[in-house]
PDB file of N, CA and C in Angstrom:
ATOM      1  N   MET A   1     173.731  55.334 105.392  1.00  0.00           N
ATOM      2  CA  MET A   1     173.204  55.726 106.390  1.00  0.00           C
ATOM      3  C   MET A   1     173.342  57.722 106.440  1.00  0.00           C
ATOM      4  N   ASN A   2     172.494  57.862 106.830  1.00  0.00           N
ATOM      5  CA  ASN A   2     172.401  59.727 107.321  1.00  0.00           C
ATOM      6  C   ASN A   2     173.456  60.037 108.201  1.00  0.00           C
ATOM      7  N   ALA A   3     174.044  61.413 107.218  1.00  0.00           N
ATOM      8  CA  ALA A   3     175.384  62.047 108.328  1.00  0.00           C
ATOM      9  C   ALA A   3     174.431  62.566 109.564  1.00  0.00           C
ATOM     10  N   ASP A   4     175.249  62.405 110.281  1.00  0.00           N
ATOM     11  CA  ASP A   4     174.817  62.902 111.657  1.00  0.00           C
ATOM     12  C   ASP A   4     175.453  64.269 112.293  1.00  0.00           C
ATOM     13  N   GLU A   5     175.152  64.730 113.353  1.00  0.00           N
ATOM     14  CA  GLU A   5     175.557  65.949 113.766  1.00  0.00           C
ATOM     15  C   GLU A   5     176.891  66.112 113.496  1.00  0.00           C
ATOM     16  N   ASN A   6     177.618  65.196 113.828  1.00  0.00           N
ATOM     17  CA  ASN A   6     179.405  65.559 113.901  1.00  0.00           C
ATOM     18  C   ASN A   6     179.899  65.533 112.531  1.00  0.00           C
ATOM     19  N   ILE A   7     179.163  65.095 111.764  1.00  0.00           N
ATOM     20  CA  ILE A   7     179.366  65.290 109.831  1.00  0.00           C
ATOM     21  C   ILE A   7     178.949  66.514 109.936  1.00  0.00           C
ATOM     22  N   LEU A   8     177.783  66.833 109.918  1.00  0.00           N
ATOM     23  CA  LEU A   8     177.330  68.179 109.362  1.00  0.00           C
ATOM     24  C   LEU A   8     177.792  69.285 109.925  1.00  0.00           C
ATOM     25  N   GLN A   9     178.216  69.615 110.916  1.00  0.00           N
ATOM     26  CA  GLN A   9     178.891  70.355 111.493  1.00  0.00           C
ATOM     27  C   GLN A   9     180.768  70.544 111.144  1.00  0.00           C
ATOM     28  N   LEU A  10     180.700  69.735 110.192  1.00  0.00           N
ATOM     29  CA  LEU A  10     182.214  69.887 109.633  1.00  0.00           C
ATOM     30  C   LEU A  10     181.888  71.171 108.567  1.00  0.00           C
ATOM     31  N   PRO A  11     183.209  71.514 108.092  1.00  0.00           N
ATOM     32  CA  PRO A  11     183.335  72.242 106.728  1.00  0.00           C
ATOM     33  C   PRO A  11     182.897  71.589 105.589  1.00  0.00           C
ATOM     34  N   TYR A  12     182.597  71.958 104.722  1.00  0.00           N
ATOM     35  CA  TYR A  12     181.755  71.170 103.188  1.00  0.00           C
ATOM     36  C   TYR A  12     182.269  72.362 102.012  1.00  0.00           C
ATOM     37  N   VAL A  13     182.677  71.382 101.039  1.00  0.00           N
ATOM     38  CA  VAL A  13     182.141  72.235  99.751  1.00  0.00           C
ATOM     39  C   VAL A  13     181.603  71.652  98.496  1.00  0.00           C
ATOM     40  N   VAL A  14     180.731  72.073  97.816  1.00  0.00           N
ATOM     41  CA  VAL A  14     179.599  71.518  96.797  1.00  0.00           C
ATOM     42  C   VAL A  14     181.007  70.610  95.905  1.00  0.00           C
ATOM     43  N   LEU A  15     180.266  69.549  95.563  1.00  0.00           N
ATOM     44  CA  LEU A  15     181.064  68.808  94.382  1.00  0.00           C
ATOM     45  C   LEU A  15     181.236  69.293  93.280  1.00  0.00           C
ATOM     46  N   LYS A  16     180.595  70.609  92.710  1.00  0.00           N
ATOM     47  CA  LYS A  16     180.731  70.912  91.839  1.00  0.00           C
ATOM     48  C   LYS A  16     182.280  72.304  91.754  1.00  0.00           C
ATOM     49  N   SER A  17     182.160  72.468  93.131  1.00  0.00           N
ATOM     50  CA  SER A  17     183.242  73.524  93.386  1.00  0.00           C
ATOM     51  C   SER A  17     184.383  73.050  94.082  1.00  0.00           C
ATOM     52  N   ARG A  18     184.851  71.729  93.471  1.00  0.00           N
ATOM     53  CA  ARG A  18     185.792  71.000  94.401  1.00  0.00           C
ATOM     54  C   ARG A  18     186.844  71.562  94.713  1.00  0.00           C
ATOM     55  N   GLN A  19     187.243  72.232  93.444  1.00  0.00           N
ATOM     56  CA  GLN A  19     188.821  72.968  93.680  1.00  0.00           C
ATOM     57  C   GLN A  19     188.925  73.971  94.724  1.00  0.00           C
ATOM     58  N   LEU A  20     187.971  74.231  95.374  1.00  0.00           N
ATOM     59  CA  LEU A  20     187.763  74.974  96.748  1.00  0.00           C
ATOM     60  C   LEU A  20     188.292  74.402  97.845  1.00  0.00           C
ATOM     61  N   LEU A  21     188.332  73.165  97.791  1.00  0.00           N
ATOM     62  CA  LEU A  21     189.162  71.903  98.864  1.00  0.00           C
ATOM     63  C   LEU A  21     190.371  72.466  99.497  1.00  0.00           C
ATOM     64  N   PRO A  22     190.537  72.034 100.602  1.00  0.00           N
ATOM     65  CA  PRO A  22     192.009  72.726 101.474  1.00  0.00           C
ATOM     66  C   PRO A  22     192.855  71.785 100.702  1.00  0.00           C
ATOM     67  N   GLN A  23     194.193  71.979 100.689  1.00  0.00           N
ATOM     68  CA  GLN A  23     195.275  70.950 100.321  1.00  0.00           C
ATOM     69  C   GLN A  23     196.030  70.513 101.251  1.00  0.00           C
ATOM     70  N   ASP A  24     194.831  70.035 102.407  1.00  0.00           N
ATOM     71  CA  ASP A  24     195.752  69.351 103.637  1.00  0.00           C
ATOM     72  C   ASP A  24     194.977  67.767 103.513  1.00  0.00           C
ATOM     73  N   SER A  25     195.500  66.900 104.690  1.00  0.00           N
ATOM     74  CA  SER A  25     195.257  65.706 104.759  1.00  0.00           C
ATOM     75  C   SER A  25     193.862  65.417 105.471  1.00  0.00           C
ATOM     76  N   ALA A  26     193.356  64.708 104.915  1.00  0.00           N
ATOM     77  CA  ALA A  26     191.961  65.029 105.739  1.00  0.00           C
ATOM     78  C   ALA A  26     190.872  63.298 105.308  1.00  0.00           C
ATOM     79  N   ILE A  27     189.986  63.099 105.945  1.00  0.00           N
ATOM     80  CA  ILE A  27     188.888  62.169 106.246  1.00  0.00           C
ATOM     81  C   ILE A  27     187.429  63.082 105.234  1.00  0.00           C
ATOM     82  N   TYR A  28     187.072  62.597 104.178  1.00  0.00           N
ATOM     83  CA  TYR A  28     186.392  63.338 103.593  1.00  0.00           C
ATOM     84  C   TYR A  28     184.954  62.064 103.451  1.00  0.00           C
ATOM     85  N   TYR A  29     183.622  63.138 103.349  1.00  0.00           N
ATOM     86  CA  TYR A  29     182.463  62.472 103.433  1.00  0.00           C
ATOM     87  C   TYR A  29     181.773  63.199 102.124  1.00  0.00           C
ATOM     88  N   VAL A  30     181.183  62.084 101.307  1.00  0.00           N
ATOM     89  CA  VAL A  30     180.218  62.777  99.951  1.00  0.00           C
ATOM     90  C   VAL A  30     178.690  62.481 100.599  1.00  0.00           C
ATOM     91  N   VAL A  31     178.170  63.539 100.482  1.00  0.00           N
ATOM     92  CA  VAL A  31     176.615  63.553 101.409  1.00  0.00           C
ATOM     93  C   VAL A  31     175.601  64.115  99.851  1.00  0.00           C
ATOM     94  N   ASP A  32     174.292  63.554 100.037  1.00  0.00           N
ATOM     95  CA  ASP A  32     173.870  64.231  98.978  1.00  0.00           C
ATOM     96  C   ASP A  32     172.807  65.466 100.293  1.00  0.00           C
ATOM     97  N   GLU A  33     171.903  65.623  99.217  1.00  0.00           N
ATOM     98  CA  GLU A  33     171.342  66.479  99.576  1.00  0.00           C
ATOM     99  C   GLU A  33     170.007  66.205 100.672  1.00  0.00           C
ATOM    100  N   LYS A  34     169.819  64.993 100.783  1.00  0.00           N
ATOM    101  CA  LYS A  34     169.057  64.360 101.691  1.00  0.00           C
ATOM    102  C   LYS A  34     170.265  63.926 102.698  1.00  0.00           C
ATOM    103  N   PHE A  35     170.959  64.106 103.083  1.00  0.00           N
ATOM    104  CA  PHE A  35     171.831  63.858 104.064  1.00  0.00           C
ATOM    105  C   PHE A  35     172.514  62.745 104.159  1.00  0.00           C
ATOM    106  N   ILE A  36     172.257  61.757 103.016  1.00  0.00           N
ATOM    107  CA  ILE A  36     172.685  60.230 102.860  1.00  0.00           C
ATOM    108  C   ILE A  36     174.383  60.457 102.624  1.00  0.00           C
ATOM    109  N   ILE A  37     174.867  59.365 103.457  1.00  0.00           N
ATOM    110  CA  ILE A  37     176.375  59.425 103.057  1.00  0.00           C
ATOM    111  C   ILE A  37     176.416  58.544 101.729  1.00  0.00           C
ATOM    112  N   TRP A  38     177.149  59.037 100.501  1.00  0.00           N
ATOM    113  CA  TRP A  38     177.148  58.222  99.671  1.00  0.00           C
ATOM    114  C   TRP A  38     178.775  57.381  99.741  1.00  0.00           C
ATOM    115  N   TYR A  39     179.956  58.057 100.049  1.00  0.00           N
ATOM    116  CA  TYR A  39     180.978  57.600 100.126  1.00  0.00           C
ATOM    117  C   TYR A  39     181.963  58.243 101.591  1.00  0.00           C
ATOM    118  N   ILE A  40     183.017  57.140 101.646  1.00  0.00           N
ATOM    119  CA  ILE A  40     183.508  57.984 102.957  1.00  0.00           C
ATOM    120  C   ILE A  40     185.332  57.699 102.436  1.00  0.00           C
ATOM    121  N   GLY A  41     186.344  58.622 102.134  1.00  0.00           N
ATOM    122  CA  GLY A  41     187.446  58.240 101.988  1.00  0.00           C
ATOM    123  C   GLY A  41     188.501  59.152 102.497  1.00  0.00           C
ATOM    124  N   LYS A  42     189.512  59.007 102.494  1.00  0.00           N
ATOM    125  CA  LYS A  42     191.170  59.361 102.955  1.00  0.00           C
ATOM    126  C   LYS A  42     191.932  60.487 101.723  1.00  0.00           C
ATOM    127  N   ALA A  43     192.608  61.445 102.240  1.00  0.00           N
ATOM    128  CA  ALA A  43     193.414  61.855 101.173  1.00  0.00           C
ATOM    129  C   ALA A  43     194.675  62.816 101.897  1.00  0.00           C
ATOM    130  N   LYS A  44     195.702  62.586 101.366  1.00  0.00           N
ATOM    131  CA  LYS A  44     196.997  63.265 101.981  1.00  0.00           C
ATOM    132  C   LYS A  44     196.826  64.900 101.378  1.00  0.00           C
ATOM    133  N   ASN A  45     196.139  64.836 100.216  1.00  0.00           N
ATOM    134  CA  ASN A  45     195.993  66.134  99.610  1.00  0.00           C
ATOM    135  C   ASN A  45     194.514  66.378  98.934  1.00  0.00           C
ATOM    136  N   LEU A  46     193.893  66.731  99.981  1.00  0.00           N
ATOM    137  CA  LEU A  46     192.020  66.905  99.622  1.00  0.00           C
ATOM    138  C   LEU A  46     191.951  67.633  98.340  1.00  0.00           C
ATOM    139  N   CYS A  47     192.417  68.559  98.275  1.00  0.00           N
ATOM    140  CA  CYS A  47     192.106  69.127  96.747  1.00  0.00           C
ATOM    141  C   CYS A  47     192.840  68.480  95.456  1.00  0.00           C
ATOM    142  N   ALA A  48     193.912  67.960  95.837  1.00  0.00           N
ATOM    143  CA  ALA A  48     194.155  67.162  94.890  1.00  0.00           C
ATOM    144  C   ALA A  48     193.497  65.955  94.332  1.00  0.00           C
ATOM    145  N   ARG A  49     192.941  65.336  95.017  1.00  0.00           N
ATOM    146  CA  ARG A  49     192.479  63.888  95.361  1.00  0.00           C
ATOM    147  C   ARG A  49     191.143  64.197  94.818  1.00  0.00           C
ATOM    148  N   TRP A  50     190.654  65.417  94.491  1.00  0.00           N
ATOM    149  CA  TRP A  50     189.214  65.668  93.793  1.00  0.00           C
ATOM    150  C   TRP A  50     189.507  66.316  92.428  1.00  0.00           C
ATOM    151  N   LYS A  51     190.842  66.778  92.327  1.00  0.00           N
ATOM    152  CA  LYS A  51     191.141  67.779  91.291  1.00  0.00           C
ATOM    153  C   LYS A  51     190.720  67.009  89.696  1.00  0.00           C
ATOM    154  N   GLY A  52     190.033  68.070  89.066  1.00  0.00           N
ATOM    155  CA  GLY A  52     189.406  67.523  87.770  1.00  0.00           C
ATOM    156  C   GLY A  52     188.629  66.274  87.770  1.00  0.00           C
ATOM    157  N   LYS A  53     188.179  65.192  86.918  1.00  0.00           N
ATOM    158  CA  LYS A  53     187.424  64.297  87.196  1.00  0.00           C
ATOM    159  C   LYS A  53     188.130  63.095  87.533  1.00  0.00           C
ATOM    160  N   SER A  54     189.276  62.908  88.448  1.00  0.00           N
ATOM    161  CA  SER A  54     190.351  62.004  88.384  1.00  0.00           C
ATOM    162  C   SER A  54     189.957  60.887  89.851  1.00  0.00           C
ATOM    163  N   HIS A  55     188.956  61.570  90.454  1.00  0.00           N
ATOM    164  CA  HIS A  55     188.374  60.393  91.717  1.00  0.00           C
ATOM    165  C   HIS A  55     187.978  59.228  91.283  1.00  0.00           C
ATOM    166  N   HIS A  56     188.329  58.007  91.391  1.00  0.00           N
ATOM    167  CA  HIS A  56     187.622  56.892  91.035  1.00  0.00           C
ATOM    168  C   HIS A  56     186.092  56.799  91.278  1.00  0.00           C
ATOM    169  N   ARG A  57     185.463  57.916  92.157  1.00  0.00           N
ATOM    170  CA  ARG A  57     184.420  57.262  92.419  1.00  0.00           C
ATOM    171  C   ARG A  57     183.361  58.824  91.655  1.00  0.00           C
ATOM    172  N   PHE A  58     184.039  59.406  91.197  1.00  0.00           N
ATOM    173  CA  PHE A  58     183.314  60.646  90.434  1.00  0.00           C
ATOM    174  C   PHE A  58     182.491  60.206  89.364  1.00  0.00           C
ATOM    175  N   TYR A  59     182.889  59.145  88.324  1.00  0.00           N
ATOM    176  CA  TYR A  59     181.688  58.569  87.319  1.00  0.00           C
ATOM    177  C   TYR A  59     180.289  58.044  87.922  1.00  0.00           C
ATOM    178  N   GLN A  60     180.737  57.541  89.151  1.00  0.00           N
ATOM    179  CA  GLN A  60     179.258  56.834  89.982  1.00  0.00           C
ATOM    180  C   GLN A  60     178.329  58.029  90.504  1.00  0.00           C
ATOM    181  N   LEU A  61     179.128  59.108  91.183  1.00  0.00           N
ATOM    182  CA  LEU A  61     178.666  60.164  91.656  1.00  0.00           C
ATOM    183  C   LEU A  61     177.716  60.870  90.511  1.00  0.00           C
ATOM    184  N   GLN A  62     178.515  61.457  89.500  1.00  0.00           N
ATOM    185  CA  GLN A  62     177.873  62.115  88.074  1.00  0.00           C
ATOM    186  C   GLN A  62     176.956  61.341  87.614  1.00  0.00           C
ATOM    187  N   LYS A  63     176.594  59.889  87.606  1.00  0.00           N
ATOM    188  CA  LYS A  63     175.376  59.623  86.945  1.00  0.00           C
ATOM    189  C   LYS A  63     174.235  59.568  87.973  1.00  0.00           C
ATOM    190  N   GLN A  64     174.215  59.881  89.239  1.00  0.00           N
ATOM    191  CA  GLN A  64     172.932  60.558  89.899  1.00  0.00           C
ATOM    192  C   GLN A  64     172.441  62.009  89.828  1.00  0.00           C
ATOM    193  N   LYS A  65     172.347  62.147  88.416  1.00  0.00           N
ATOM    194  CA  LYS A  65     172.166  63.391  87.808  1.00  0.00           C
ATOM    195  C   LYS A  65     171.118  64.463  88.827  1.00  0.00           C
ATOM    196  N   LYS A  66     170.133  63.639  89.522  1.00  0.00           N
ATOM    197  CA  LYS A  66     169.150  64.735  90.316  1.00  0.00           C
ATOM    198  C   LYS A  66     169.933  64.750  91.520  1.00  0.00           C
ATOM    199  N   LYS A  67     171.016  64.513  91.749  1.00  0.00           N
ATOM    200  CA  LYS A  67     171.484  64.437  93.397  1.00  0.00           C
ATOM    201  C   LYS A  67     172.422  65.630  93.323  1.00  0.00           C
ATOM    202  N   LEU A  68     172.250  66.453  94.317  1.00  0.00           N
ATOM    203  CA  LEU A  68     173.516  67.676  94.621  1.00  0.00           C
ATOM    204  C   LEU A  68     174.285  66.853  96.009  1.00  0.00           C
ATOM    205  N   PHE A  69     175.587  66.722  95.472  1.00  0.00           N
ATOM    206  CA  PHE A  69     176.291  66.146  96.642  1.00  0.00           C
ATOM    207  C   PHE A  69     177.412  67.305  97.191  1.00  0.00           C
ATOM    208  N   ASN A  70     177.811  67.084  98.503  1.00  0.00           N
ATOM    209  CA  ASN A  70     178.843  68.359  98.841  1.00  0.00           C
ATOM    210  C   ASN A  70     179.995  67.203  99.636  1.00  0.00           C
ATOM    211  N   ILE A  71     181.051  67.587  99.730  1.00  0.00           N
ATOM    212  CA  ILE A  71     182.075  66.944 100.096  1.00  0.00           C
ATOM    213  C   ILE A  71     182.562  67.493 101.646  1.00  0.00           C
ATOM    214  N   TYR A  72     181.815  66.529 102.880  1.00  0.00           N
ATOM    215  CA  TYR A  72     182.428  67.594 103.954  1.00  0.00           C
ATOM    216  C   TYR A  72     183.585  66.871 104.267  1.00  0.00           C
ATOM    217  N   TYR A  73     184.506  67.690 104.976  1.00  0.00           N
ATOM    218  CA  TYR A  73     185.748  66.820 105.354  1.00  0.00           C
ATOM    219  C   TYR A  73     186.178  67.005 106.799  1.00  0.00           C
ATOM    220  N   GLU A  74     187.157  66.515 107.715  1.00  0.00           N
ATOM    221  CA  GLU A  74     187.911  66.874 108.741  1.00  0.00           C
ATOM    222  C   GLU A  74     189.211  66.648 108.527  1.00  0.00           C
ATOM    223  N   LEU A  75     189.884  67.638 108.970  1.00  0.00           N
ATOM    224  CA  LEU A  75     191.697  67.852 108.730  1.00  0.00           C
ATOM    225  C   LEU A  75     191.994  66.556 109.715  1.00  0.00           C
ATOM    226  N   VAL A  76     192.809  65.894 109.295  1.00  0.00           N
ATOM    227  CA  VAL A  76     193.383  64.817 110.143  1.00  0.00           C
ATOM    228  C   VAL A  76     194.827  64.512 110.005  1.00  0.00           C
ATOM    229  N   PRO A  77     195.951  64.619 110.955  1.00  0.00           N
ATOM    230  CA  PRO A  77     197.075  64.054 110.400  1.00  0.00           C
ATOM    231  C   PRO A  77     197.434  63.101 109.374  1.00  0.00           C
ATOM    232  N   GLU A  78     198.224  63.350 108.770  1.00  0.00           N
ATOM    233  CA  GLU A  78     198.597  61.918 107.872  1.00  0.00           C
ATOM    234  C   GLU A  78     198.485  60.612 108.219  1.00  0.00           C
ATOM    235  N   LEU A  79     199.234  60.659 109.506  1.00  0.00           N
ATOM    236  CA  LEU A  79     199.611  59.474 110.092  1.00  0.00           C
ATOM    237  C   LEU A  79     198.211  58.941 110.804  1.00  0.00           C
ATOM    238  N   GLU A  80     197.249  59.323 110.613  1.00  0.00           N
ATOM    239  CA  GLU A  80     195.867  58.830 111.323  1.00  0.00           C
ATOM    240  C   GLU A  80     194.792  58.514 110.345  1.00  0.00           C
ATOM    241  N   LEU A  81     195.294  59.019 108.990  1.00  0.00           N
ATOM    242  CA  LEU A  81     194.357  58.727 107.937  1.00  0.00           C
ATOM    243  C   LEU A  81     193.593  57.482 107.914  1.00  0.00           C
ATOM    244  N   ASP A  82     194.557  56.038 107.939  1.00  0.00           N
ATOM    245  CA  ASP A  82     194.140  55.118 107.825  1.00  0.00           C
ATOM    246  C   ASP A  82     193.362  54.173 108.714  1.00  0.00           C
ATOM    247  N   THR A  83     193.434  54.795 109.918  1.00  0.00           N
ATOM    248  CA  THR A  83     192.824  54.172 110.981  1.00  0.00           C
ATOM    249  C   THR A  83     191.695  55.128 111.286  1.00  0.00           C
ATOM    250  N   LEU A  84     191.593  56.322 110.988  1.00  0.00           N
ATOM    251  CA  LEU A  84     190.318  56.954 111.190  1.00  0.00           C
ATOM    252  C   LEU A  84     189.250  56.590 109.641  1.00  0.00           C
ATOM    253  N   GLU A  85     189.670  56.592 108.610  1.00  0.00           N
ATOM    254  CA  GLU A  85     188.871  56.250 107.223  1.00  0.00           C
ATOM    255  C   GLU A  85     188.084  54.584 108.006  1.00  0.00           C
ATOM    256  N   GLN A  86     188.673  53.906 108.098  1.00  0.00           N
ATOM    257  CA  GLN A  86     188.285  52.542 108.648  1.00  0.00           C
ATOM    258  C   GLN A  86     186.968  52.720 109.698  1.00  0.00           C
ATOM    259  N   GLN A  87     187.643  53.399 110.574  1.00  0.00           N
ATOM    260  CA  GLN A  87     186.496  53.705 112.127  1.00  0.00           C
ATOM    261  C   GLN A  87     185.076  54.194 111.494  1.00  0.00           C
ATOM    262  N   ARG A  88     185.355  55.513 110.586  1.00  0.00           N
ATOM    263  CA  ARG A  88     184.296  55.856 109.930  1.00  0.00           C
ATOM    264  C   ARG A  88     183.596  55.165 108.944  1.00  0.00           C
ATOM    265  N   ILE A  89     184.330  54.474 108.077  1.00  0.00           N
ATOM    266  CA  ILE A  89     183.442  53.325 107.167  1.00  0.00           C
ATOM    267  C   ILE A  89     182.252  52.587 108.193  1.00  0.00           C
ATOM    268  N   GLU A  90     183.266  51.600 108.893  1.00  0.00           N
ATOM    269  CA  GLU A  90     182.187  50.735 109.697  1.00  0.00           C
ATOM    270  C   GLU A  90     181.450  51.763 110.468  1.00  0.00           C
ATOM    271  N   GLN A  91     181.591  52.570 111.062  1.00  0.00           N
ATOM    272  CA  GLN A  91     180.294  53.614 111.661  1.00  0.00           C
ATOM    273  C   GLN A  91     179.308  53.884 111.113  1.00  0.00           C
ATOM    274  N   TYR A  92     179.344  54.329 109.996  1.00  0.00           N
ATOM    275  CA  TYR A  92     178.724  55.297 109.173  1.00  0.00           C
ATOM    276  C   TYR A  92     178.158  53.916 107.571  1.00  0.00           C
ATOM    277  N   ASN A  93     179.129  53.201 107.528  1.00  0.00           N
ATOM    278  CA  ASN A  93     177.858  52.157 106.429  1.00  0.00           C
ATOM    279  C   ASN A  93     177.873  52.727 104.924  1.00  0.00           C
ATOM    280  N   PRO A  94     178.658  53.784 104.429  1.00  0.00           N
ATOM    281  CA  PRO A  94     178.300  54.558 103.196  1.00  0.00           C
ATOM    282  C   PRO A  94     178.054  53.680 101.855  1.00  0.00           C
ATOM    283  N   LEU A  95     177.497  53.883 101.145  1.00  0.00           N
ATOM    284  CA  LEU A  95     176.651  53.289  99.930  1.00  0.00           C
ATOM    285  C   LEU A  95     177.799  52.644  99.094  1.00  0.00           C
ATOM    286  N   LEU A  96     178.424  53.533  98.465  1.00  0.00           N
ATOM    287  CA  LEU A  96     179.747  53.398  97.771  1.00  0.00           C
ATOM    288  C   LEU A  96     180.970  52.612  98.021  1.00  0.00           C
ATOM    289  N   ASN A  97     181.229  52.427  99.267  1.00  0.00           N
ATOM    290  CA  ASN A  97     182.414  51.955  99.804  1.00  0.00           C
ATOM    291  C   ASN A  97     182.130  50.361  99.952  1.00  0.00           C
ATOM    292  N   LYS A  98     181.246  50.096  99.764  1.00  0.00           N
ATOM    293  CA  LYS A  98     181.334  48.275  99.509  1.00  0.00           C
ATOM    294  C   LYS A  98     181.012  47.937  98.257  1.00  0.00           C
ATOM    295  N   THR A  99     181.083  48.656  97.059  1.00  0.00           N
ATOM    296  CA  THR A  99     180.408  48.575  95.667  1.00  0.00           C
ATOM    297  C   THR A  99     182.202  48.609  94.851  1.00  0.00           C
ATOM    298  N   LYS A 100     181.816  47.953  93.784  1.00  0.00           N
ATOM    299  CA  LYS A 100     183.322  48.032  93.036  1.00  0.00           C
ATOM    300  C   LYS A 100     183.206  49.348  92.223  1.00  0.00           C
ATOM    301  N   VAL A 101     184.332  49.642  92.214  1.00  0.00           N
ATOM    302  CA  VAL A 101     184.486  51.158  91.427  1.00  0.00           C
ATOM    303  C   VAL A 101     184.086  50.665  89.592  1.00  0.00           C
ATOM    304  N   LYS A 102     183.356  51.470  89.307  1.00  0.00           N
ATOM    305  CA  LYS A 102     183.025  51.473  87.897  1.00  0.00           C
ATOM    306  C   LYS A 102     183.535  52.438  86.889  1.00  0.00           C
ATOM    307  N   ALA A 103     184.757  52.169  86.338  1.00  0.00           N
ATOM    308  CA  ALA A 103     185.510  52.788  85.552  1.00  0.00           C
ATOM    309  C   ALA A 103     184.508  53.317  84.108  1.00  0.00           C
ATOM    310  N   LYS A 104     184.875  54.866  83.923  1.00  0.00           N
ATOM    311  CA  LYS A 104     183.864  55.207  82.638  1.00  0.00           C
ATOM    312  C   LYS A 104     184.542  54.169  81.309  1.00  0.00           C
ATOM    313  N   LYS A 105     183.228  53.688  81.089  1.00  0.00           N
ATOM    314  CA  LYS A 105     183.565  53.234  79.794  1.00  0.00           C
ATOM    315  C   LYS A 105     183.906  53.509  78.244  1.00  0.00           C
ATOM    316  N   LEU A 106     184.993  53.107  77.786  1.00  0.00           N
ATOM    317  CA  LEU A 106     186.118  53.633  76.626  1.00  0.00           C
ATOM    318  C   LEU A 106     185.045  52.534  75.284  1.00  0.00           C
ATOM    319  N   HIS A 107     184.584  53.585  74.471  1.00  0.00           N
ATOM    320  CA  HIS A 107     184.168  52.851  73.006  1.00  0.00           C
ATOM    321  C   HIS A 107     185.388  52.667  72.375  1.00  0.00           C
ATOM    322  N   PRO A 108     184.923  51.607  71.376  1.00  0.00           N
ATOM    323  CA  PRO A 108     186.048  50.803  70.639  1.00  0.00           C
ATOM    324  C   PRO A 108     187.090  52.150  70.153  1.00  0.00           C
ATOM    325  N   THR A 109     186.355  52.930  69.230  1.00  0.00           N
ATOM    326  CA  THR A 109     187.291  54.052  68.727  1.00  0.00           C
ATOM    327  C   THR A 109     188.005  54.742  69.851  1.00  0.00           C
ATOM    328  N   GLU A 110     188.066  54.971  70.833  1.00  0.00           N
ATOM    329  CA  GLU A 110     188.630  55.532  71.880  1.00  0.00           C
ATOM    330  C   GLU A 110     189.966  54.522  72.298  1.00  0.00           C
ATOM    331  N   THR A 111     189.688  53.481  72.212  1.00  0.00           N
ATOM    332  CA  THR A 111     190.524  52.441  72.614  1.00  0.00           C
ATOM    333  C   THR A 111     191.525  52.266  71.265  1.00  0.00           C
ATOM    334  N   LEU A 112     191.464  52.270  70.193  1.00  0.00           N
ATOM    335  CA  LEU A 112     191.760  52.556  68.956  1.00  0.00           C
ATOM    336  C   LEU A 112     192.986  53.418  68.926  1.00  0.00           C
ATOM    337  N   LEU A 113     192.350  54.812  69.401  1.00  0.00           N
ATOM    338  CA  LEU A 113     193.234  55.609  69.104  1.00  0.00           C
ATOM    339  C   LEU A 113     194.229  55.730  70.069  1.00  0.00           C
ATOM    340  N   GLY A 114     193.554  55.204  71.302  1.00  0.00           N
ATOM    341  CA  GLY A 114     194.974  55.570  72.064  1.00  0.00           C
ATOM    342  C   GLY A 114     195.876  54.277  71.824  1.00  0.00           C
ATOM    343  N   GLU A 115     195.647  53.157  71.228  1.00  0.00           N
ATOM    344  CA  GLU A 115     196.633  52.337  70.804  1.00  0.00           C
ATOM    345  C   GLU A 115     197.514  52.668  69.683  1.00  0.00           C
ATOM    346  N   THR A 116     196.778  53.515  68.664  1.00  0.00           N
ATOM    347  CA  THR A 116     197.411  54.062  67.719  1.00  0.00           C
ATOM    348  C   THR A 116     198.328  55.161  68.127  1.00  0.00           C
ATOM    349  N   LEU A 117     198.031  56.106  69.226  1.00  0.00           N
ATOM    350  CA  LEU A 117     198.968  56.998  69.187  1.00  0.00           C
ATOM    351  C   LEU A 117     200.079  56.358  70.200  1.00  0.00           C
ATOM    352  N   HIS A 118     200.000  55.493  70.968  1.00  0.00           N
ATOM    353  CA  HIS A 118     200.684  54.669  72.085  1.00  0.00           C
ATOM    354  C   HIS A 118     201.927  54.241  71.041  1.00  0.00           C
ATOM    355  N   THR A 119     201.310  53.415  70.069  1.00  0.00           N
ATOM    356  CA  THR A 119     202.472  52.717  68.914  1.00  0.00           C
ATOM    357  C   THR A 119     203.214  53.754  68.277  1.00  0.00           C
ATOM    358  N   MET A 120     202.725  55.089  67.798  1.00  0.00           N
ATOM    359  CA  MET A 120     203.300  56.315  66.998  1.00  0.00           C
ATOM    360  C   MET A 120     204.399  56.977  68.033  1.00  0.00           C
ATOM    361  N   LEU A 121     204.029  56.964  69.422  1.00  0.00           N
ATOM    362  CA  LEU A 121     204.882  57.945  70.335  1.00  0.00           C
ATOM    363  C   LEU A 121     206.141  56.570  70.429  1.00  0.00           C
ATOM    364  N   LYS A 122     205.922  55.442  70.433  1.00  0.00           N
ATOM    365  CA  LYS A 122     207.438  54.194  70.588  1.00  0.00           C
ATOM    366  C   LYS A 122     208.325  54.654  69.269  1.00  0.00           C
ATOM    367  N   PHE A 123     207.956  55.415  68.061  1.00  0.00           N
ATOM    368  CA  PHE A 123     209.014  55.060  67.069  1.00  0.00           C
ATOM    369  C   PHE A 123     209.161  56.503  66.894  1.00  0.00           C
ATOM    370  N   HIS A 124     208.965  57.412  67.612  1.00  0.00           N
ATOM    371  CA  HIS A 124     209.652  58.606  67.533  1.00  0.00           C
ATOM    372  C   HIS A 124     210.600  58.888  68.520  1.00  0.00           C
TER     373      HIS A 124
END
C-alpha cells in the first residue's frame, strides 16, 4: 500500500543514513521512492534497531538495488509500541510484514570457519 499524508508528514531518514535516527521508542515505516510501504516495525531505541546491518529485514531491502528507501518514524511511548504497530500493519498492509525473514546465506567456508573458531575458543 502507498504511504498517505499521515506517514509522509512524519520525520524521516534515508536508509543509507540510518545512523542519524533518534534513540527514542518509535513506530517506523520503510518507504521507497514511489511511496510504497515495504515494512512497518517498532523499536524501543530506533537508532540501535537499525545500527549497522543488524535489522532482520536489511538484506531483503538491500536486494532491491534500484530502490531508494526512507525510514519514516513516529515517536511513541514504549508502552504503546505493540498496540500501535499492530494497528499500523493492519491499516497499511506493508509488503514485507507478512513474509518470512530471509537471512543472509552463509557459504560452507564461512560456516566451517565459524565452527572452527568456536571450537578453538572453547579450549582456551
